[in-house]
């Protein structure tokens, strides 16, 4: 994203690449139709603005630690889940110019994929733990 360059967040490109790698692994994890569905949703693209905002707002200038990565991944998973569920509710055929998961596989698979993405986001956050209050 041209708006935020390395001077705004040193290591931005590496952090975003690592975030994407983690998202890809989590999306594919269930395997089968569910894994392919989640991976396809992720592959549909997007600006990944939410993870970038997490990186920008966390410890300005410091490289992201595991808790920051967990937050960045989780916020994108929640966003993806809401888009999938929104497509079910709206019976949307297209998103970002591509057929939606709902259009390809129907409400059942879409709802399961959205639920998996939500649950995975909270699992990632729970596994990361929390920081002590300052």
Foldseek 3Di string as FASTA:
>chain_A
DVVDDCVLPPCLVVLVVVLLVVQLCLLLVVPDPLSVQSNVLPVLDDDLVQLSVLRNVPPGHDDDDLLSSLRSNLVVLLVSLVVLVVCQVVVDQDDSRHGHSCNVPNDPSSNVNSVSSNVVSVVSNVVVPDDDDD
